[in-house]
Amino acid sequence: MASIALNLMTQIASGKVLDEAYTNLCARRKISGAEDGIWSVTLNWPSIRQTLRHKLLAGGYHLSPLELITLKEGNTVSR
């Protein structure tokens, strides 16, 4: 089972997949304000890509929500 997870993470952390994710991110965020975090990613992508790849392969990357939103019913959702 561990080898399956490692193989999947190796695929996810490949340069091709990371670059496709980056391209998709940029395309979805074309209309964004100056304060949007996408600009720091764009300016530093080569360094971020390398760091992200190493963290993914080492098992040291954890996803977290960008923003938590409380709905009027009181439920919280993440974005």
PDB file of N, CA and C in Angstrom:
ATOM      1  N   MET A   1       0.824  -1.198   0.000  1.00  0.00           N
ATOM      2  CA  MET A   1       0.000   0.000   0.000  1.00  0.00           C
ATOM      3  C   MET A   1       0.864   1.257   0.000  1.00  0.00           C
ATOM      4  N   ALA A   2       1.960   1.238   0.740  1.00  0.00           N
ATOM      5  CA  ALA A   2       2.836   2.408   0.795  1.00  0.00           C
ATOM      6  C   ALA A   2       3.441   2.709  -0.569  1.00  0.00           C
ATOM      7  N   SER A   3       3.751   1.657  -1.338  1.00  0.00           N
ATOM      8  CA  SER A   3       4.345   1.892  -2.659  1.00  0.00           C
ATOM      9  C   SER A   3       3.333   2.528  -3.609  1.00  0.00           C
ATOM     10  N   ILE A   4       2.054   2.202  -3.441  1.00  0.00           N
ATOM     11  CA  ILE A   4       1.020   2.829  -4.270  1.00  0.00           C
ATOM     12  C   ILE A   4       0.940   4.323  -3.963  1.00  0.00           C
ATOM     13  N   ALA A   5       0.955   4.673  -2.667  1.00  0.00           N
ATOM     14  CA  ALA A   5       0.898   6.080  -2.266  1.00  0.00           C
ATOM     15  C   ALA A   5       2.121   6.827  -2.764  1.00  0.00           C
ATOM     16  N   LEU A   6       3.294   6.198  -2.656  1.00  0.00           N
ATOM     17  CA  LEU A   6       4.519   6.837  -3.117  1.00  0.00           C
ATOM     18  C   LEU A   6       4.470   7.040  -4.621  1.00  0.00           C
ATOM     19  N   ASN A   7       3.992   6.052  -5.357  1.00  0.00           N
ATOM     20  CA  ASN A   7       3.886   6.174  -6.808  1.00  0.00           C
ATOM     21  C   ASN A   7       2.930   7.294  -7.185  1.00  0.00           C
ATOM     22  N   LEU A   8       1.798   7.397  -6.493  1.00  0.00           N
ATOM     23  CA  LEU A   8       0.836   8.458  -6.764  1.00  0.00           C
ATOM     24  C   LEU A   8       1.450   9.823  -6.463  1.00  0.00           C
ATOM     25  N   MET A   9       2.144   9.949  -5.330  1.00  0.00           N
ATOM     26  CA  MET A   9       2.759  11.225  -4.980  1.00  0.00           C
ATOM     27  C   MET A   9       3.868  11.576  -5.967  1.00  0.00           C
ATOM     28  N   THR A  10       4.583  10.594  -6.451  1.00  0.00           N
ATOM     29  CA  THR A  10       5.612  10.852  -7.457  1.00  0.00           C
ATOM     30  C   THR A  10       4.982  11.428  -8.723  1.00  0.00           C
ATOM     31  N   GLN A  11       3.821  10.901  -9.101  1.00  0.00           N
ATOM     32  CA  GLN A  11       3.114  11.423 -10.265  1.00  0.00           C
ATOM     33  C   GLN A  11       2.622  12.842 -10.004  1.00  0.00           C
ATOM     34  N   ILE A  12       2.031  13.069  -8.824  1.00  0.00           N
ATOM     35  CA  ILE A  12       1.515  14.394  -8.472  1.00  0.00           C
ATOM     36  C   ILE A  12       2.638  15.419  -8.438  1.00  0.00           C
ATOM     37  N   ALA A  13       3.799  15.029  -7.908  1.00  0.00           N
ATOM     38  CA  ALA A  13       4.926  15.949  -7.744  1.00  0.00           C
ATOM     39  C   ALA A  13       5.782  16.087  -9.003  1.00  0.00           C
ATOM     40  N   SER A  14       5.365  15.459 -10.088  1.00  0.00           N
ATOM     41  CA  SER A  14       6.152  15.569 -11.318  1.00  0.00           C
ATOM     42  C   SER A  14       6.108  17.011 -11.832  1.00  0.00           C
ATOM     43  N   GLY A  15       7.147  17.395 -12.501  1.00  0.00           N
ATOM     44  CA  GLY A  15       7.204  18.744 -13.054  1.00  0.00           C
ATOM     45  C   GLY A  15       6.047  19.028 -13.987  1.00  0.00           C
ATOM     46  N   LYS A  16       5.657  18.034 -14.770  1.00  0.00           N
ATOM     47  CA  LYS A  16       4.556  18.206 -15.718  1.00  0.00           C
ATOM     48  C   LYS A  16       3.252  18.517 -14.986  1.00  0.00           C
ATOM     49  N   VAL A  17       2.936  17.744 -13.958  1.00  0.00           N
ATOM     50  CA  VAL A  17       1.679  17.952 -13.222  1.00  0.00           C
ATOM     51  C   VAL A  17       1.702  19.283 -12.477  1.00  0.00           C
ATOM     52  N   LEU A  18       2.819  19.614 -11.848  1.00  0.00           N
ATOM     53  CA  LEU A  18       2.913  20.886 -11.136  1.00  0.00           C
ATOM     54  C   LEU A  18       2.766  22.065 -12.095  1.00  0.00           C
ATOM     55  N   ASP A  19       3.383  21.973 -13.262  1.00  0.00           N
ATOM     56  CA  ASP A  19       3.273  23.059 -14.244  1.00  0.00           C
ATOM     57  C   ASP A  19       1.852  23.166 -14.794  1.00  0.00           C
ATOM     58  N   GLU A  20       1.175  22.024 -14.980  1.00  0.00           N
ATOM     59  CA  GLU A  20      -0.222  22.059 -15.425  1.00  0.00           C
ATOM     60  C   GLU A  20      -1.102  22.713 -14.357  1.00  0.00           C
ATOM     61  N   ALA A  21      -0.853  22.397 -13.098  1.00  0.00           N
ATOM     62  CA  ALA A  21      -1.624  22.996 -12.005  1.00  0.00           C
ATOM     63  C   ALA A  21      -1.379  24.506 -11.952  1.00  0.00           C
ATOM     64  N   TYR A  22      -0.137  24.912 -12.129  1.00  0.00           N
ATOM     65  CA  TYR A  22       0.215  26.333 -12.130  1.00  0.00           C
ATOM     66  C   TYR A  22      -0.477  27.062 -13.291  1.00  0.00           C
ATOM     67  N   THR A  23      -0.456  26.475 -14.478  1.00  0.00           N
ATOM     68  CA  THR A  23      -1.103  27.066 -15.647  1.00  0.00           C
ATOM     69  C   THR A  23      -2.603  27.211 -15.408  1.00  0.00           C
ATOM     70  N   ASN A  24      -3.203  26.168 -14.830  1.00  0.00           N
ATOM     71  CA  ASN A  24      -4.633  26.210 -14.515  1.00  0.00           C
ATOM     72  C   ASN A  24      -4.922  27.299 -13.490  1.00  0.00           C
ATOM     73  N   LEU A  25      -4.100  27.408 -12.476  1.00  0.00           N
ATOM     74  CA  LEU A  25      -4.266  28.438 -11.454  1.00  0.00           C
ATOM     75  C   LEU A  25      -4.219  29.829 -12.087  1.00  0.00           C
ATOM     76  N   CYS A  26      -3.242  30.060 -12.919  1.00  0.00           N
ATOM     77  CA  CYS A  26      -3.095  31.372 -13.570  1.00  0.00           C
ATOM     78  C   CYS A  26      -4.295  31.682 -14.463  1.00  0.00           C
ATOM     79  N   ALA A  27      -4.764  30.679 -15.200  1.00  0.00           N
ATOM     80  CA  ALA A  27      -5.899  30.890 -16.095  1.00  0.00           C
ATOM     81  C   ALA A  27      -7.169  31.221 -15.314  1.00  0.00           C
ATOM     82  N   ARG A  28      -7.352  30.579 -14.171  1.00  0.00           N
ATOM     83  CA  ARG A  28      -8.549  30.814 -13.365  1.00  0.00           C
ATOM     84  C   ARG A  28      -8.484  32.134 -12.617  1.00  0.00           C
ATOM     85  N   ARG A  29      -7.292  32.684 -12.441  1.00  0.00           N
ATOM     86  CA  ARG A  29      -7.135  33.904 -11.659  1.00  0.00           C
ATOM     87  C   ARG A  29      -6.726  35.094 -12.510  1.00  0.00           C
ATOM     88  N   LYS A  30      -7.035  35.083 -13.798  1.00  0.00           N
ATOM     89  CA  LYS A  30      -6.630  36.182 -14.686  1.00  0.00           C
ATOM     90  C   LYS A  30      -7.144  37.526 -14.194  1.00  0.00           C
ATOM     91  N   ILE A  31      -8.348  37.534 -13.685  1.00  0.00           N
ATOM     92  CA  ILE A  31      -8.909  38.772 -13.154  1.00  0.00           C
ATOM     93  C   ILE A  31      -8.747  38.718 -11.642  1.00  0.00           C
ATOM     94  N   SER A  32      -7.681  39.313 -11.162  1.00  0.00           N
ATOM     95  CA  SER A  32      -7.423  39.331  -9.725  1.00  0.00           C
ATOM     96  C   SER A  32      -6.766  40.650  -9.359  1.00  0.00           C
ATOM     97  N   GLY A  33      -7.034  41.082  -8.151  1.00  0.00           N
ATOM     98  CA  GLY A  33      -6.509  42.360  -7.696  1.00  0.00           C
ATOM     99  C   GLY A  33      -5.044  42.290  -7.316  1.00  0.00           C
ATOM    100  N   ALA A  34      -4.475  43.440  -7.093  1.00  0.00           N
ATOM    101  CA  ALA A  34      -3.060  43.540  -6.748  1.00  0.00           C
ATOM    102  C   ALA A  34      -2.733  42.847  -5.432  1.00  0.00           C
ATOM    103  N   GLU A  35      -3.711  42.720  -4.559  1.00  0.00           N
ATOM    104  CA  GLU A  35      -3.491  42.092  -3.259  1.00  0.00           C
ATOM    105  C   GLU A  35      -3.619  40.572  -3.312  1.00  0.00           C
ATOM    106  N   ASP A  36      -4.031  40.032  -4.427  1.00  0.00           N
ATOM    107  CA  ASP A  36      -4.233  38.593  -4.549  1.00  0.00           C
ATOM    108  C   ASP A  36      -2.888  37.866  -4.459  1.00  0.00           C
ATOM    109  N   GLY A  37      -2.876  36.756  -3.721  1.00  0.00           N
ATOM    110  CA  GLY A  37      -1.658  35.974  -3.523  1.00  0.00           C
ATOM    111  C   GLY A  37      -1.101  35.334  -4.776  1.00  0.00           C
ATOM    112  N   ILE A  38      -1.889  35.286  -5.845  1.00  0.00           N
ATOM    113  CA  ILE A  38      -1.418  34.681  -7.089  1.00  0.00           C
ATOM    114  C   ILE A  38      -0.185  35.384  -7.627  1.00  0.00           C
ATOM    115  N   TRP A  39      -0.081  36.677  -7.379  1.00  0.00           N
ATOM    116  CA  TRP A  39       1.055  37.423  -7.937  1.00  0.00           C
ATOM    117  C   TRP A  39       2.364  37.000  -7.297  1.00  0.00           C
ATOM    118  N   SER A  40       2.380  36.713  -6.014  1.00  0.00           N
ATOM    119  CA  SER A  40       3.623  36.250  -5.392  1.00  0.00           C
ATOM    120  C   SER A  40       3.998  34.865  -5.915  1.00  0.00           C
ATOM    121  N   VAL A  41       2.992  34.038  -6.205  1.00  0.00           N
ATOM    122  CA  VAL A  41       3.265  32.723  -6.790  1.00  0.00           C
ATOM    123  C   VAL A  41       3.846  32.900  -8.190  1.00  0.00           C
ATOM    124  N   THR A  42       3.251  33.771  -8.976  1.00  0.00           N
ATOM    125  CA  THR A  42       3.718  34.003 -10.343  1.00  0.00           C
ATOM    126  C   THR A  42       5.162  34.498 -10.369  1.00  0.00           C
ATOM    127  N   LEU A  43       5.477  35.428  -9.498  1.00  0.00           N
ATOM    128  CA  LEU A  43       6.827  35.995  -9.473  1.00  0.00           C
ATOM    129  C   LEU A  43       7.875  35.009  -8.971  1.00  0.00           C
ATOM    130  N   ASN A  44       7.458  34.068  -8.139  1.00  0.00           N
ATOM    131  CA  ASN A  44       8.409  33.144  -7.510  1.00  0.00           C
ATOM    132  C   ASN A  44       8.183  31.691  -7.906  1.00  0.00           C
ATOM    133  N   TRP A  45       7.483  31.429  -9.007  1.00  0.00           N
ATOM    134  CA  TRP A  45       7.105  30.069  -9.357  1.00  0.00           C
ATOM    135  C   TRP A  45       8.284  29.091  -9.434  1.00  0.00           C
ATOM    136  N   PRO A  46       9.403  29.387 -10.057  1.00  0.00           N
ATOM    137  CA  PRO A  46      10.481  28.393 -10.113  1.00  0.00           C
ATOM    138  C   PRO A  46      10.920  27.924  -8.723  1.00  0.00           C
ATOM    139  N   SER A  47      11.067  28.833  -7.804  1.00  0.00           N
ATOM    140  CA  SER A  47      11.467  28.475  -6.442  1.00  0.00           C
ATOM    141  C   SER A  47      10.353  27.734  -5.711  1.00  0.00           C
ATOM    142  N   ILE A  48       9.118  28.221  -5.855  1.00  0.00           N
ATOM    143  CA  ILE A  48       7.973  27.576  -5.197  1.00  0.00           C
ATOM    144  C   ILE A  48       7.788  26.166  -5.743  1.00  0.00           C
ATOM    145  N   ARG A  49       7.934  26.011  -7.040  1.00  0.00           N
ATOM    146  CA  ARG A  49       7.774  24.692  -7.683  1.00  0.00           C
ATOM    147  C   ARG A  49       8.768  23.694  -7.102  1.00  0.00           C
ATOM    148  N   GLN A  50      10.004  24.100  -6.994  1.00  0.00           N
ATOM    149  CA  GLN A  50      11.044  23.208  -6.469  1.00  0.00           C
ATOM    150  C   GLN A  50      10.774  22.852  -5.010  1.00  0.00           C
ATOM    151  N   THR A  51      10.444  23.835  -4.196  1.00  0.00           N
ATOM    152  CA  THR A  51      10.154  23.596  -2.775  1.00  0.00           C
ATOM    153  C   THR A  51       8.929  22.713  -2.621  1.00  0.00           C
ATOM    154  N   LEU A  52       7.885  22.992  -3.375  1.00  0.00           N
ATOM    155  CA  LEU A  52       6.662  22.209  -3.312  1.00  0.00           C
ATOM    156  C   LEU A  52       6.929  20.763  -3.701  1.00  0.00           C
ATOM    157  N   ARG A  53       7.686  20.560  -4.752  1.00  0.00           N
ATOM    158  CA  ARG A  53       8.007  19.202  -5.211  1.00  0.00           C
ATOM    159  C   ARG A  53       8.744  18.420  -4.125  1.00  0.00           C
ATOM    160  N   HIS A  54       9.736  19.051  -3.512  1.00  0.00           N
ATOM    161  CA  HIS A  54      10.493  18.375  -2.444  1.00  0.00           C
ATOM    162  C   HIS A  54       9.605  18.043  -1.256  1.00  0.00           C
ATOM    163  N   LYS A  55       8.735  18.970  -0.866  1.00  0.00           N
ATOM    164  CA  LYS A  55       7.840  18.732   0.270  1.00  0.00           C
ATOM    165  C   LYS A  55       6.836  17.623  -0.028  1.00  0.00           C
ATOM    166  N   LEU A  56       6.304  17.610  -1.246  1.00  0.00           N
ATOM    167  CA  LEU A  56       5.362  16.555  -1.620  1.00  0.00           C
ATOM    168  C   LEU A  56       6.033  15.191  -1.570  1.00  0.00           C
ATOM    169  N   LEU A  57       7.221  15.086  -2.116  1.00  0.00           N
ATOM    170  CA  LEU A  57       7.924  13.803  -2.149  1.00  0.00           C
ATOM    171  C   LEU A  57       8.379  13.351  -0.766  1.00  0.00           C
ATOM    172  N   ALA A  58       8.635  14.308   0.118  1.00  0.00           N
ATOM    173  CA  ALA A  58       9.075  13.970   1.481  1.00  0.00           C
ATOM    174  C   ALA A  58       7.895  13.744   2.429  1.00  0.00           C
ATOM    175  N   GLY A  59       6.676  13.983   1.932  1.00  0.00           N
ATOM    176  CA  GLY A  59       5.498  13.815   2.785  1.00  0.00           C
ATOM    177  C   GLY A  59       5.306  14.957   3.758  1.00  0.00           C
ATOM    178  N   GLY A  60       5.925  16.098   3.485  1.00  0.00           N
ATOM    179  CA  GLY A  60       5.878  17.212   4.418  1.00  0.00           C
ATOM    180  C   GLY A  60       4.981  18.364   4.006  1.00  0.00           C
ATOM    181  N   TYR A  61       4.087  18.134   3.056  1.00  0.00           N
ATOM    182  CA  TYR A  61       3.200  19.211   2.618  1.00  0.00           C
ATOM    183  C   TYR A  61       1.782  18.899   3.048  1.00  0.00           C
ATOM    184  N   HIS A  62       1.132  19.862   3.665  1.00  0.00           N
ATOM    185  CA  HIS A  62      -0.238  19.678   4.125  1.00  0.00           C
ATOM    186  C   HIS A  62      -1.105  20.788   3.535  1.00  0.00           C
ATOM    187  N   LEU A  63      -2.189  20.397   2.912  1.00  0.00           N
ATOM    188  CA  LEU A  63      -3.109  21.373   2.340  1.00  0.00           C
ATOM    189  C   LEU A  63      -3.909  22.043   3.451  1.00  0.00           C
ATOM    190  N   SER A  64      -4.179  23.299   3.278  1.00  0.00           N
ATOM    191  CA  SER A  64      -5.019  24.028   4.231  1.00  0.00           C
ATOM    192  C   SER A  64      -5.892  24.983   3.436  1.00  0.00           C
ATOM    193  N   PRO A  65      -7.051  25.328   3.986  1.00  0.00           N
ATOM    194  CA  PRO A  65      -7.941  26.216   3.245  1.00  0.00           C
ATOM    195  C   PRO A  65      -7.371  27.619   3.129  1.00  0.00           C
ATOM    196  N   LEU A  66      -7.663  28.248   2.008  1.00  0.00           N
ATOM    197  CA  LEU A  66      -7.264  29.629   1.783  1.00  0.00           C
ATOM    198  C   LEU A  66      -8.092  30.561   2.654  1.00  0.00           C
ATOM    199  N   GLU A  67      -9.366  30.195   2.790  1.00  0.00           N
ATOM    200  CA  GLU A  67     -10.283  31.068   3.509  1.00  0.00           C
ATOM    201  C   GLU A  67     -11.397  30.223   4.132  1.00  0.00           C
ATOM    202  N   LEU A  68     -11.786  30.546   5.359  1.00  0.00           N
ATOM    203  CA  LEU A  68     -12.933  29.914   6.001  1.00  0.00           C
ATOM    204  C   LEU A  68     -14.096  30.887   5.965  1.00  0.00           C
ATOM    205  N   ILE A  69     -15.242  30.404   5.553  1.00  0.00           N
ATOM    206  CA  ILE A  69     -16.424  31.245   5.427  1.00  0.00           C
ATOM    207  C   ILE A  69     -17.518  30.663   6.313  1.00  0.00           C
ATOM    208  N   THR A  70     -18.100  31.502   7.168  1.00  0.00           N
ATOM    209  CA  THR A  70     -19.213  31.066   8.002  1.00  0.00           C
ATOM    210  C   THR A  70     -20.516  31.447   7.319  1.00  0.00           C
ATOM    211  N   LEU A  71     -21.335  30.448   7.046  1.00  0.00           N
ATOM    212  CA  LEU A  71     -22.620  30.662   6.391  1.00  0.00           C
ATOM    213  C   LEU A  71     -23.638  31.161   7.405  1.00  0.00           C
ATOM    214  N   LYS A  72     -24.720  31.744   6.921  1.00  0.00           N
ATOM    215  CA  LYS A  72     -25.710  32.310   7.834  1.00  0.00           C
ATOM    216  C   LYS A  72     -26.355  31.244   8.718  1.00  0.00           C
ATOM    217  N   GLU A  73     -26.328  29.980   8.280  1.00  0.00           N
ATOM    218  CA  GLU A  73     -26.861  28.886   9.110  1.00  0.00           C
ATOM    219  C   GLU A  73     -25.886  28.518  10.238  1.00  0.00           C
ATOM    220  N   GLY A  74     -24.669  29.067  10.175  1.00  0.00           N
ATOM    221  CA  GLY A  74     -23.660  28.774  11.174  1.00  0.00           C
ATOM    222  C   GLY A  74     -22.621  27.759  10.747  1.00  0.00           C
ATOM    223  N   ASN A  75     -22.862  27.095   9.624  1.00  0.00           N
ATOM    224  CA  ASN A  75     -21.890  26.129   9.113  1.00  0.00           C
ATOM    225  C   ASN A  75     -20.665  26.861   8.552  1.00  0.00           C
ATOM    226  N   THR A  76     -19.521  26.219   8.640  1.00  0.00           N
ATOM    227  CA  THR A  76     -18.286  26.799   8.108  1.00  0.00           C
ATOM    228  C   THR A  76     -17.844  25.976   6.904  1.00  0.00           C
ATOM    229  N   VAL A  77     -17.460  26.672   5.855  1.00  0.00           N
ATOM    230  CA  VAL A  77     -16.924  26.003   4.667  1.00  0.00           C
ATOM    231  C   VAL A  77     -15.564  26.619   4.362  1.00  0.00           C
ATOM    232  N   SER A  78     -14.737  25.864   3.685  1.00  0.00           N
ATOM    233  CA  SER A  78     -13.414  26.394   3.322  1.00  0.00           C
ATOM    234  C   SER A  78     -13.342  26.575   1.821  1.00  0.00           C
ATOM    235  N   ARG A  79     -12.487  27.505   1.450  1.00  0.00           N
ATOM    236  CA  ARG A  79     -12.280  27.799   0.038  1.00  0.00           C
ATOM    237  C   ARG A  79     -10.801  27.753  -0.207  1.00  0.00           C
TER     238      ARG A  79
END
